[in-house]
C-alpha atoms as a PDB file:
ATOM      1  CA  MET A   1     -33.749  -9.592  26.148  1.00  0.00           C
ATOM      2  CA  LEU A   2     -32.437  -6.071  26.762  1.00  0.00           C
ATOM      3  CA  GLU A   3     -31.452  -3.701  24.109  1.00  0.00           C
ATOM      4  CA  ASP A   4     -27.746  -3.864  24.983  1.00  0.00           C
ATOM      5  CA  GLU A   5     -27.825  -7.691  25.089  1.00  0.00           C
ATOM      6  CA  ILE A   6     -29.232  -7.686  21.629  1.00  0.00           C
ATOM      7  CA  ILE A   7     -26.661  -5.284  20.158  1.00  0.00           C
ATOM      8  CA  SER A   8     -23.900  -7.189  21.923  1.00  0.00           C
ATOM      9  CA  LYS A   9     -25.213 -10.456  20.356  1.00  0.00           C
ATOM     10  CA  LEU A  10     -25.507  -8.934  17.001  1.00  0.00           C
ATOM     11  CA  LYS A  11     -21.712  -7.512  17.084  1.00  0.00           C
ATOM     12  CA  GLN A  12     -20.529 -10.763  18.479  1.00  0.00           C
ATOM     13  CA  ASN A  13     -22.053 -12.882  15.814  1.00  0.00           C
ATOM     14  CA  MET A  14     -22.125 -10.724  12.798  1.00  0.00           C
ATOM     15  CA  GLY A  15     -18.893  -8.832  13.287  1.00  0.00           C
ATOM     16  CA  ALA A  16     -17.862  -5.172  12.602  1.00  0.00           C
ATOM     17  CA  GLN A  17     -17.772  -5.708   8.961  1.00  0.00           C
ATOM     18  CA  CYS A  18     -21.486  -6.274   9.017  1.00  0.00           C
ATOM     19  CA  VAL A  19     -22.786  -4.294  11.919  1.00  0.00           C
ATOM     20  CA  LEU A  20     -21.538  -0.815  11.100  1.00  0.00           C
ATOM     21  CA  GLU A  21     -23.537   1.213  13.501  1.00  0.00           C
ATOM     22  CA  THR A  22     -26.070   1.005  16.466  1.00  0.00           C
ATOM     23  CA  SER A  23     -28.131   3.117  18.565  1.00  0.00           C
ATOM     24  CA  VAL A  24     -31.055   2.815  21.012  1.00  0.00           C
ATOM     25  CA  SER A  25     -33.471   5.796  20.844  1.00  0.00           C
ATOM     26  CA  ARG A  26     -35.748   4.336  23.555  1.00  0.00           C
ATOM     27  CA  ALA A  27     -36.899   1.113  25.083  1.00  0.00           C
ATOM     28  CA  ARG A  28     -37.647  -1.619  22.449  1.00  0.00           C
ATOM     29  CA  ARG A  29     -36.363   0.709  19.666  1.00  0.00           C
ATOM     30  CA  ILE A  30     -32.982  -0.404  18.247  1.00  0.00           C
ATOM     31  CA  PHE A  31     -31.356   1.113  15.058  1.00  0.00           C
ATOM     32  CA  VAL A  32     -28.688  -1.000  13.227  1.00  0.00           C
ATOM     33  CA  ARG A  33     -26.817   0.158  10.257  1.00  0.00           C
ATOM     34  CA  VAL A  34     -25.640  -2.941   8.323  1.00  0.00           C
ATOM     35  CA  SER A  35     -23.545  -3.581   5.365  1.00  0.00           C
ATOM     36  CA  LYS A  36     -25.773  -4.671   2.460  1.00  0.00           C
ATOM     37  CA  LYS A  37     -23.629  -7.546   1.753  1.00  0.00           C
ATOM     38  CA  CYS A  38     -24.624  -9.002   5.205  1.00  0.00           C
ATOM     39  CA  LEU A  39     -28.421  -8.142   5.403  1.00  0.00           C
ATOM     40  CA  LYS A  40     -29.623 -11.535   4.394  1.00  0.00           C
ATOM     41  CA  ASP A  41     -27.335 -13.150   7.111  1.00  0.00           C
ATOM     42  CA  LEU A  42     -28.384 -10.738   9.640  1.00  0.00           C
ATOM     43  CA  LEU A  43     -32.102 -10.987   9.018  1.00  0.00           C
ATOM     44  CA  LEU A  44     -31.600 -14.841   9.379  1.00  0.00           C
ATOM     45  CA  PHE A  45     -29.760 -14.368  12.602  1.00  0.00           C
ATOM     46  CA  LEU A  46     -32.579 -12.159  14.030  1.00  0.00           C
ATOM     47  CA  LYS A  47     -35.217 -14.603  12.853  1.00  0.00           C
ATOM     48  CA  ASN A  48     -33.439 -17.532  14.732  1.00  0.00           C
ATOM     49  CA  GLU A  49     -33.168 -15.304  17.798  1.00  0.00           C
ATOM     50  CA  GLY A  50     -37.100 -15.009  17.842  1.00  0.00           C
ATOM     51  CA  PHE A  51     -37.421 -11.705  15.935  1.00  0.00           C
ATOM     52  CA  GLU A  52     -40.197 -13.163  13.586  1.00  0.00           C
ATOM     53  CA  HIS A  53     -42.352 -10.110  12.820  1.00  0.00           C
ATOM     54  CA  LEU A  54     -41.506  -7.505   9.959  1.00  0.00           C
ATOM     55  CA  SER A  55     -44.188  -4.818   9.760  1.00  0.00           C
ATOM     56  CA  ALA A  56     -42.956  -2.709   6.934  1.00  0.00           C
ATOM     57  CA  ILE A  57     -39.852  -1.891   4.762  1.00  0.00           C
ATOM     58  CA  THR A  58     -39.478   1.714   3.974  1.00  0.00           C
ATOM     59  CA  GLY A  59     -37.371   3.055   0.987  1.00  0.00           C
ATOM     60  CA  LEU A  60     -35.725   6.583   1.234  1.00  0.00           C
ATOM     61  CA  GLU A  61     -33.698   8.443  -1.270  1.00  0.00           C
ATOM     62  CA  MET A  62     -30.715   9.936   0.507  1.00  0.00           C
ATOM     63  CA  ASN A  63     -28.237  12.030  -1.491  1.00  0.00           C
ATOM     64  CA  GLY A  64     -28.434   9.890  -4.643  1.00  0.00           C
ATOM     65  CA  THR A  65     -28.609   6.607  -2.836  1.00  0.00           C
ATOM     66  CA  ILE A  66     -31.535   4.367  -1.563  1.00  0.00           C
ATOM     67  CA  GLU A  67     -31.842   3.643   2.105  1.00  0.00           C
ATOM     68  CA  LEU A  68     -34.065   0.768   3.322  1.00  0.00           C
ATOM     69  CA  LEU A  69     -35.510   0.794   6.686  1.00  0.00           C
ATOM     70  CA  TYR A  70     -36.930  -2.639   8.214  1.00  0.00           C
ATOM     71  CA  HIS A  71     -39.518  -2.091  10.769  1.00  0.00           C
END
């Protein structure tokens, strides 16, 4: 599945209230900013779409908040 197809499917199934921002930095590298209330549902959706490998979770402190990056 191409990056644009994945993003389109995410937006269609999760909605704008969950998928806040997306970008593609290069092939096979999609960044998705997600509402924290939707994170569990989004991860379940991706798993059901065949994305079954999570290599790491990185926590970053950003201006007094914590940002989690799922790789």
